[in-house]
PDB file of N, CA and C in Angstrom:
ATOM      1  N   MET A   1      11.601   9.440-109.981  1.00  0.00           N
ATOM      2  CA  MET A   1      10.913  10.493-109.282  1.00  0.00           C
ATOM      3  C   MET A   1      10.351   9.939-107.979  1.00  0.00           C
ATOM      4  N   GLY A   2      10.744  10.503-106.866  1.00  0.00           N
ATOM      5  CA  GLY A   2      10.285  10.039-105.571  1.00  0.00           C
ATOM      6  C   GLY A   2       8.872  10.502-105.284  1.00  0.00           C
ATOM      7  N   PRO A   3       8.266   9.953-104.223  1.00  0.00           N
ATOM      8  CA  PRO A   3       6.874  10.284-103.918  1.00  0.00           C
ATOM      9  C   PRO A   3       6.651  11.742-103.544  1.00  0.00           C
ATOM     10  N   ASP A   4       7.691  12.413-103.023  1.00  0.00           N
ATOM     11  CA  ASP A   4       7.522  13.801-102.595  1.00  0.00           C
ATOM     12  C   ASP A   4       8.284  14.767-103.495  1.00  0.00           C
ATOM     13  N   THR A   5       8.572  14.372-104.727  1.00  0.00           N
ATOM     14  CA  THR A   5       9.355  15.182-105.644  1.00  0.00           C
ATOM     15  C   THR A   5       8.747  16.557-105.853  1.00  0.00           C
ATOM     16  N   HIS A   6       7.439  16.654-105.898  1.00  0.00           N
ATOM     17  CA  HIS A   6       6.781  17.914-106.227  1.00  0.00           C
ATOM     18  C   HIS A   6       6.395  18.725-104.995  1.00  0.00           C
ATOM     19  N   PHE A   7       6.818  18.299-103.807  1.00  0.00           N
ATOM     20  CA  PHE A   7       6.396  18.976-102.596  1.00  0.00           C
ATOM     21  C   PHE A   7       7.593  19.653-101.943  1.00  0.00           C
ATOM     22  N   SER A   8       7.482  20.979-101.763  1.00  0.00           N
ATOM     23  CA  SER A   8       8.617  21.762-101.274  1.00  0.00           C
ATOM     24  C   SER A   8       8.629  21.908 -99.757  1.00  0.00           C
ATOM     25  N   GLY A   9       7.498  21.745 -99.116  1.00  0.00           N
ATOM     26  CA  GLY A   9       7.423  22.010 -97.680  1.00  0.00           C
ATOM     27  C   GLY A   9       7.108  23.468 -97.379  1.00  0.00           C
ATOM     28  N   LYS A  10       7.229  24.337 -98.369  1.00  0.00           N
ATOM     29  CA  LYS A  10       6.884  25.754 -98.197  1.00  0.00           C
ATOM     30  C   LYS A  10       5.371  25.885 -98.235  1.00  0.00           C
ATOM     31  N   ARG A  11       4.861  26.946 -97.707  1.00  0.00           N
ATOM     32  CA  ARG A  11       3.412  27.177 -97.690  1.00  0.00           C
ATOM     33  C   ARG A  11       3.070  28.412 -98.509  1.00  0.00           C
ATOM     34  N   LYS A  12       1.902  28.371 -99.149  1.00  0.00           N
ATOM     35  CA  LYS A  12       1.397  29.493 -99.938  1.00  0.00           C
ATOM     36  C   LYS A  12      -0.071  29.661 -99.600  1.00  0.00           C
ATOM     37  N   ALA A  13      -0.469  30.869 -99.285  1.00  0.00           N
ATOM     38  CA  ALA A  13      -1.875  31.155 -99.021  1.00  0.00           C
ATOM     39  C   ALA A  13      -2.641  31.131-100.342  1.00  0.00           C
ATOM     40  N   VAL A  14      -3.781  30.450-100.344  1.00  0.00           N
ATOM     41  CA  VAL A  14      -4.625  30.378-101.541  1.00  0.00           C
ATOM     42  C   VAL A  14      -6.077  30.600-101.126  1.00  0.00           C
ATOM     43  N   ASN A  15      -6.872  31.000-102.058  1.00  0.00           N
ATOM     44  CA  ASN A  15      -8.307  31.146-101.827  1.00  0.00           C
ATOM     45  C   ASN A  15      -9.017  29.946-102.417  1.00  0.00           C
ATOM     46  N   LEU A  16      -9.890  29.332-101.634  1.00  0.00           N
ATOM     47  CA  LEU A  16     -10.680  28.199-102.090  1.00  0.00           C
ATOM     48  C   LEU A  16     -12.156  28.511-101.898  1.00  0.00           C
ATOM     49  N   SER A  17     -12.963  27.990-102.769  1.00  0.00           N
ATOM     50  CA  SER A  17     -14.410  28.067-102.588  1.00  0.00           C
ATOM     51  C   SER A  17     -14.882  26.674-102.225  1.00  0.00           C
ATOM     52  N   LEU A  18     -15.340  26.527-100.992  1.00  0.00           N
ATOM     53  CA  LEU A  18     -15.784  25.231-100.488  1.00  0.00           C
ATOM     54  C   LEU A  18     -17.222  25.348-100.022  1.00  0.00           C
ATOM     55  N   ASP A  19     -17.956  24.258-100.149  1.00  0.00           N
ATOM     56  CA  ASP A  19     -19.326  24.198 -99.671  1.00  0.00           C
ATOM     57  C   ASP A  19     -19.349  24.528 -98.176  1.00  0.00           C
ATOM     58  N   THR A  20     -20.200  25.445 -97.789  1.00  0.00           N
ATOM     59  CA  THR A  20     -20.224  25.891 -96.396  1.00  0.00           C
ATOM     60  C   THR A  20     -20.581  24.761 -95.437  1.00  0.00           C
ATOM     61  N   GLY A  21     -21.430  23.863 -95.862  1.00  0.00           N
ATOM     62  CA  GLY A  21     -21.782  22.719 -95.016  1.00  0.00           C
ATOM     63  C   GLY A  21     -20.591  21.805 -94.780  1.00  0.00           C
ATOM     64  N   VAL A  22     -19.781  21.618 -95.816  1.00  0.00           N
ATOM     65  CA  VAL A  22     -18.581  20.789 -95.691  1.00  0.00           C
ATOM     66  C   VAL A  22     -17.600  21.449 -94.731  1.00  0.00           C
ATOM     67  N   VAL A  23     -17.425  22.753 -94.866  1.00  0.00           N
ATOM     68  CA  VAL A  23     -16.510  23.485 -93.985  1.00  0.00           C
ATOM     69  C   VAL A  23     -16.990  23.394 -92.549  1.00  0.00           C
ATOM     70  N   GLN A  24     -18.280  23.599 -92.331  1.00  0.00           N
ATOM     71  CA  GLN A  24     -18.830  23.543 -90.980  1.00  0.00           C
ATOM     72  C   GLN A  24     -18.644  22.152 -90.375  1.00  0.00           C
ATOM     73  N   ALA A  25     -18.937  21.115 -91.150  1.00  0.00           N
ATOM     74  CA  ALA A  25     -18.786  19.745 -90.645  1.00  0.00           C
ATOM     75  C   ALA A  25     -17.328  19.442 -90.311  1.00  0.00           C
ATOM     76  N   ALA A  26     -16.419  19.896 -91.147  1.00  0.00           N
ATOM     77  CA  ALA A  26     -14.991  19.670 -90.902  1.00  0.00           C
ATOM     78  C   ALA A  26     -14.545  20.383 -89.631  1.00  0.00           C
ATOM     79  N   ARG A  27     -14.983  21.612 -89.459  1.00  0.00           N
ATOM     80  CA  ARG A  27     -14.599  22.372 -88.254  1.00  0.00           C
ATOM     81  C   ARG A  27     -15.197  21.741 -87.005  1.00  0.00           C
ATOM     82  N   GLU A  28     -16.463  21.310 -87.095  1.00  0.00           N
ATOM     83  CA  GLU A  28     -17.095  20.650 -85.955  1.00  0.00           C
ATOM     84  C   GLU A  28     -16.364  19.358 -85.593  1.00  0.00           C
ATOM     85  N   ALA A  29     -15.796  18.712 -86.593  1.00  0.00           N
ATOM     86  CA  ALA A  29     -15.044  17.473 -86.350  1.00  0.00           C
ATOM     87  C   ALA A  29     -13.626  17.757 -85.872  1.00  0.00           C
ATOM     88  N   GLY A  30     -13.262  19.033 -85.846  1.00  0.00           N
ATOM     89  CA  GLY A  30     -11.933  19.411 -85.377  1.00  0.00           C
ATOM     90  C   GLY A  30     -10.842  19.206 -86.411  1.00  0.00           C
ATOM     91  N   LEU A  31     -11.225  19.157 -87.671  1.00  0.00           N
ATOM     92  CA  LEU A  31     -10.247  18.949 -88.740  1.00  0.00           C
ATOM     93  C   LEU A  31      -9.554  20.247 -89.121  1.00  0.00           C
ATOM     94  N   ASN A  32      -8.296  20.156 -89.458  1.00  0.00           N
ATOM     95  CA  ASN A  32      -7.536  21.290 -89.955  1.00  0.00           C
ATOM     96  C   ASN A  32      -7.765  21.347 -91.464  1.00  0.00           C
ATOM     97  N   LEU A  33      -8.480  22.374 -91.925  1.00  0.00           N
ATOM     98  CA  LEU A  33      -8.841  22.463 -93.340  1.00  0.00           C
ATOM     99  C   LEU A  33      -7.612  22.472 -94.245  1.00  0.00           C
ATOM    100  N   SER A  34      -6.584  23.191 -93.871  1.00  0.00           N
ATOM    101  CA  SER A  34      -5.375  23.257 -94.696  1.00  0.00           C
ATOM    102  C   SER A  34      -4.732  21.893 -94.827  1.00  0.00           C
ATOM    103  N   GLN A  35      -4.605  21.174 -93.715  1.00  0.00           N
ATOM    104  CA  GLN A  35      -3.970  19.862 -93.757  1.00  0.00           C
ATOM    105  C   GLN A  35      -4.785  18.866 -94.569  1.00  0.00           C
ATOM    106  N   VAL A  36      -6.104  18.888 -94.396  1.00  0.00           N
ATOM    107  CA  VAL A  36      -6.968  17.958 -95.124  1.00  0.00           C
ATOM    108  C   VAL A  36      -6.941  18.261 -96.622  1.00  0.00           C
ATOM    109  N   CYS A  37      -7.028  19.542 -96.979  1.00  0.00           N
ATOM    110  CA  CYS A  37      -6.979  19.918 -98.403  1.00  0.00           C
ATOM    111  C   CYS A  37      -5.638  19.550 -99.002  1.00  0.00           C
ATOM    112  N   GLU A  38      -4.551  19.813 -98.282  1.00  0.00           N
ATOM    113  CA  GLU A  38      -3.220  19.491 -98.789  1.00  0.00           C
ATOM    114  C   GLU A  38      -3.065  17.987 -99.005  1.00  0.00           C
ATOM    115  N   ALA A  39      -3.532  17.195 -98.053  1.00  0.00           N
ATOM    116  CA  ALA A  39      -3.438  15.738 -98.185  1.00  0.00           C
ATOM    117  C   ALA A  39      -4.262  15.248 -99.370  1.00  0.00           C
ATOM    118  N   ALA A  40      -5.462  15.808 -99.539  1.00  0.00           N
ATOM    119  CA  ALA A  40      -6.311  15.402-100.657  1.00  0.00           C
ATOM    120  C   ALA A  40      -5.677  15.786-101.995  1.00  0.00           C
ATOM    121  N   LEU A  41      -5.093  16.979-102.068  1.00  0.00           N
ATOM    122  CA  LEU A  41      -4.431  17.403-103.302  1.00  0.00           C
ATOM    123  C   LEU A  41      -3.179  16.573-103.574  1.00  0.00           C
ATOM    124  N   ARG A  42      -2.438  16.223-102.534  1.00  0.00           N
ATOM    125  CA  ARG A  42      -1.261  15.363-102.692  1.00  0.00           C
ATOM    126  C   ARG A  42      -1.685  14.014-103.277  1.00  0.00           C
ATOM    127  N   ASP A  43      -2.755  13.433-102.712  1.00  0.00           N
ATOM    128  CA  ASP A  43      -3.254  12.137-103.180  1.00  0.00           C
ATOM    129  C   ASP A  43      -3.763  12.230-104.615  1.00  0.00           C
ATOM    130  N   ALA A  44      -4.526  13.273-104.917  1.00  0.00           N
ATOM    131  CA  ALA A  44      -5.056  13.451-106.268  1.00  0.00           C
ATOM    132  C   ALA A  44      -3.926  13.650-107.275  1.00  0.00           C
ATOM    133  N   SER A  45      -2.897  14.404-106.884  1.00  0.00           N
ATOM    134  CA  SER A  45      -1.747  14.629-107.774  1.00  0.00           C
ATOM    135  C   SER A  45      -1.021  13.327-108.065  1.00  0.00           C
ATOM    136  N   LYS A  46      -0.819  12.514-107.033  1.00  0.00           N
ATOM    137  CA  LYS A  46      -0.146  11.225-107.203  1.00  0.00           C
ATOM    138  C   LYS A  46      -0.949  10.323-108.129  1.00  0.00           C
ATOM    139  N   LYS A  47      -2.253  10.243-107.904  1.00  0.00           N
ATOM    140  CA  LYS A  47      -3.108   9.404-108.749  1.00  0.00           C
ATOM    141  C   LYS A  47      -3.080   9.876-110.199  1.00  0.00           C
ATOM    142  N   GLU A  48      -3.087  11.183-110.414  1.00  0.00           N
ATOM    143  CA  GLU A  48      -3.059  11.717-111.776  1.00  0.00           C
ATOM    144  C   GLU A  48      -1.719  11.432-112.441  1.00  0.00           C
ATOM    145  N   ARG A  49      -0.605  11.566-111.698  1.00  0.00           N
ATOM    146  CA  ARG A  49       0.712  11.231-112.273  1.00  0.00           C
ATOM    147  C   ARG A  49       0.759   9.755-112.663  1.00  0.00           C
ATOM    148  N   GLU A  50       0.216   8.881-111.797  1.00  0.00           N
ATOM    149  CA  GLU A  50       0.198   7.447-112.094  1.00  0.00           C
ATOM    150  C   GLU A  50      -0.674   7.155-113.310  1.00  0.00           C
ATOM    151  N   ARG A  51      -1.844   7.804-113.396  1.00  0.00           N
ATOM    152  CA  ARG A  51      -2.733   7.606-114.546  1.00  0.00           C
ATOM    153  C   ARG A  51      -2.039   8.052-115.826  1.00  0.00           C
ATOM    154  N   LYS A  52      -1.378   9.200-115.759  1.00  0.00           N
ATOM    155  CA  LYS A  52      -0.671   9.727-116.928  1.00  0.00           C
ATOM    156  C   LYS A  52       0.460   8.799-117.330  1.00  0.00           C
ATOM    157  N   TRP A  53       1.206   8.249-116.360  1.00  0.00           N
ATOM    158  CA  TRP A  53       2.293   7.325-116.670  1.00  0.00           C
ATOM    159  C   TRP A  53       1.743   6.092-117.372  1.00  0.00           C
ATOM    160  N   ARG A  54       0.632   5.539-116.839  1.00  0.00           N
ATOM    161  CA  ARG A  54       0.022   4.361-117.479  1.00  0.00           C
ATOM    162  C   ARG A  54      -0.408   4.684-118.903  1.00  0.00           C
ATOM    163  N   GLU A  55      -0.994   5.858-119.100  1.00  0.00           N
ATOM    164  CA  GLU A  55      -1.428   6.270-120.439  1.00  0.00           C
ATOM    165  C   GLU A  55      -0.230   6.428-121.372  1.00  0.00           C
ATOM    166  N   ASP A  56       0.806   7.107-120.889  1.00  0.00           N
ATOM    167  CA  ASP A  56       1.996   7.347-121.713  1.00  0.00           C
ATOM    168  C   ASP A  56       2.744   6.062-122.046  1.00  0.00           C
ATOM    169  N   ASN A  57       2.637   5.055-121.166  1.00  0.00           N
ATOM    170  CA  ASN A  57       3.394   3.821-121.346  1.00  0.00           C
ATOM    171  C   ASN A  57       2.528   2.625-121.713  1.00  0.00           C
ATOM    172  N   ARG A  58       1.277   2.877-122.074  1.00  0.00           N
ATOM    173  CA  ARG A  58       0.344   1.806-122.399  1.00  0.00           C
ATOM    174  C   ARG A  58       0.848   0.932-123.537  1.00  0.00           C
ATOM    175  N   GLU A  59       1.332   1.545-124.607  1.00  0.00           N
ATOM    176  CA  GLU A  59       1.800   0.760-125.753  1.00  0.00           C
ATOM    177  C   GLU A  59       2.977  -0.128-125.364  1.00  0.00           C
ATOM    178  N   TRP A  60       3.910   0.416-124.588  1.00  0.00           N
ATOM    179  CA  TRP A  60       5.050  -0.391-124.147  1.00  0.00           C
ATOM    180  C   TRP A  60       4.575  -1.571-123.299  1.00  0.00           C
ATOM    181  N   ALA A  61       3.651  -1.319-122.356  1.00  0.00           N
ATOM    182  CA  ALA A  61       3.161  -2.375-121.470  1.00  0.00           C
ATOM    183  C   ALA A  61       2.451  -3.464-122.275  1.00  0.00           C
ATOM    184  N   GLU A  62       1.651  -3.070-123.242  1.00  0.00           N
ATOM    185  CA  GLU A  62       0.951  -4.052-124.074  1.00  0.00           C
ATOM    186  C   GLU A  62       1.945  -4.881-124.881  1.00  0.00           C
ATOM    187  N   ALA A  63       2.959  -4.239-125.451  1.00  0.00           N
ATOM    188  CA  ALA A  63       3.976  -4.962-126.223  1.00  0.00           C
ATOM    189  C   ALA A  63       4.764  -5.900-125.311  1.00  0.00           C
ATOM    190  N   HIS A  64       5.098  -5.433-124.127  1.00  0.00           N
ATOM    191  CA  HIS A  64       5.831  -6.259-123.168  1.00  0.00           C
ATOM    192  C   HIS A  64       5.008  -7.478-122.777  1.00  0.00           C
ATOM    193  N   ASN A  65       3.737  -7.280-122.462  1.00  0.00           N
ATOM    194  CA  ASN A  65       2.862  -8.392-122.085  1.00  0.00           C
ATOM    195  C   ASN A  65       2.696  -9.379-123.230  1.00  0.00           C
ATOM    196  N   ALA A  66       2.583  -8.872-124.457  1.00  0.00           N
ATOM    197  CA  ALA A  66       2.469  -9.762-125.615  1.00  0.00           C
ATOM    198  C   ALA A  66       3.746 -10.582-125.775  1.00  0.00           C
ATOM    199  N   TRP A  67       4.912  -9.966-125.558  1.00  0.00           N
ATOM    200  CA  TRP A  67       6.174 -10.689-125.674  1.00  0.00           C
ATOM    201  C   TRP A  67       6.242 -11.800-124.630  1.00  0.00           C
ATOM    202  N   ILE A  68       5.823 -11.496-123.384  1.00  0.00           N
ATOM    203  CA  ILE A  68       5.832 -12.491-122.308  1.00  0.00           C
ATOM    204  C   ILE A  68       4.893 -13.648-122.655  1.00  0.00           C
ATOM    205  N   GLU A  69       3.715 -13.329-123.180  1.00  0.00           N
ATOM    206  CA  GLU A  69       2.768 -14.388-123.563  1.00  0.00           C
ATOM    207  C   GLU A  69       3.369 -15.295-124.626  1.00  0.00           C
ATOM    208  N   LYS A  70       4.073 -14.717-125.572  1.00  0.00           N
ATOM    209  CA  LYS A  70       4.656 -15.486-126.668  1.00  0.00           C
ATOM    210  C   LYS A  70       5.900 -16.254-126.235  1.00  0.00           C
ATOM    211  N   ASN A  71       6.755 -15.622-125.431  1.00  0.00           N
ATOM    212  CA  ASN A  71       8.067 -16.184-125.118  1.00  0.00           C
ATOM    213  C   ASN A  71       8.221 -16.706-123.697  1.00  0.00           C
ATOM    214  N   GLY A  72       7.274 -16.415-122.826  1.00  0.00           N
ATOM    215  CA  GLY A  72       7.408 -16.800-121.425  1.00  0.00           C
ATOM    216  C   GLY A  72       8.280 -15.808-120.671  1.00  0.00           C
ATOM    217  N   LEU A  73       8.367 -16.009-119.371  1.00  0.00           N
ATOM    218  CA  LEU A  73       9.170 -15.121-118.534  1.00  0.00           C
ATOM    219  C   LEU A  73      10.651 -15.418-118.730  1.00  0.00           C
ATOM    220  N   PRO A  74      11.460 -14.386-118.864  1.00  0.00           N
ATOM    221  CA  PRO A  74      12.906 -14.619-118.931  1.00  0.00           C
ATOM    222  C   PRO A  74      13.375 -15.274-117.617  1.00  0.00           C
ATOM    223  N   LEU A  75      14.277 -16.197-117.712  1.00  0.00           N
ATOM    224  CA  LEU A  75      14.861 -16.883-116.551  1.00  0.00           C
ATOM    225  C   LEU A  75      13.840 -17.699-115.760  1.00  0.00           C
ATOM    226  N   GLU A  76      12.683 -17.992-116.367  1.00  0.00           N
ATOM    227  CA  GLU A  76      11.631 -18.722-115.658  1.00  0.00           C
ATOM    228  C   GLU A  76      12.126 -20.077-115.161  1.00  0.00           C
ATOM    229  N   ARG A  77      13.017 -20.686-115.909  1.00  0.00           N
ATOM    230  CA  ARG A  77      13.482 -22.020-115.510  1.00  0.00           C
ATOM    231  C   ARG A  77      14.275 -21.990-114.203  1.00  0.00           C
ATOM    232  N   TYR A  78      14.714 -20.804-113.777  1.00  0.00           N
ATOM    233  CA  TYR A  78      15.477 -20.692-112.545  1.00  0.00           C
ATOM    234  C   TYR A  78      14.609 -20.352-111.326  1.00  0.00           C
ATOM    235  N   ARG A  79      13.311 -20.163-111.555  1.00  0.00           N
ATOM    236  CA  ARG A  79      12.411 -19.815-110.442  1.00  0.00           C
ATOM    237  C   ARG A  79      12.331 -20.950-109.456  1.00  0.00           C
ATOM    238  N   LEU A  80      12.272 -20.606-108.182  1.00  0.00           N
ATOM    239  CA  LEU A  80      12.171 -21.599-107.131  1.00  0.00           C
ATOM    240  C   LEU A  80      10.746 -21.745-106.613  1.00  0.00           C
ATOM    241  N   PHE A  81       9.809 -21.033-107.196  1.00  0.00           N
ATOM    242  CA  PHE A  81       8.396 -21.117-106.754  1.00  0.00           C
ATOM    243  C   PHE A  81       7.493 -21.348-107.928  1.00  0.00           C
TER     244      PHE A  81
END
C-alpha cells in the first residue's frame, strides 16, 4: 500500500466545528483552512494506519525478534560492517 493509496484527489465539502479563536488565528496567519485540515487528517490517518499495523503484527515482530536473539542475524557472517 503506497503512501497516497487512500487519497483520490477529489474534493468533498464537509462541515467542521472548529474553535473560533483557532480559525481566526489561522486566517490572520494567512493559512488555507482546507489545506491545513487536509494535511492534518492525512498525517493522522497515516499514523493510525501505522499504529494499527504495529498492533496487528506485534506477535509476529516479537517472535521474529526472539528468533534473532536466539539464532543471530541470517547471513551475518557475510556482513562487511
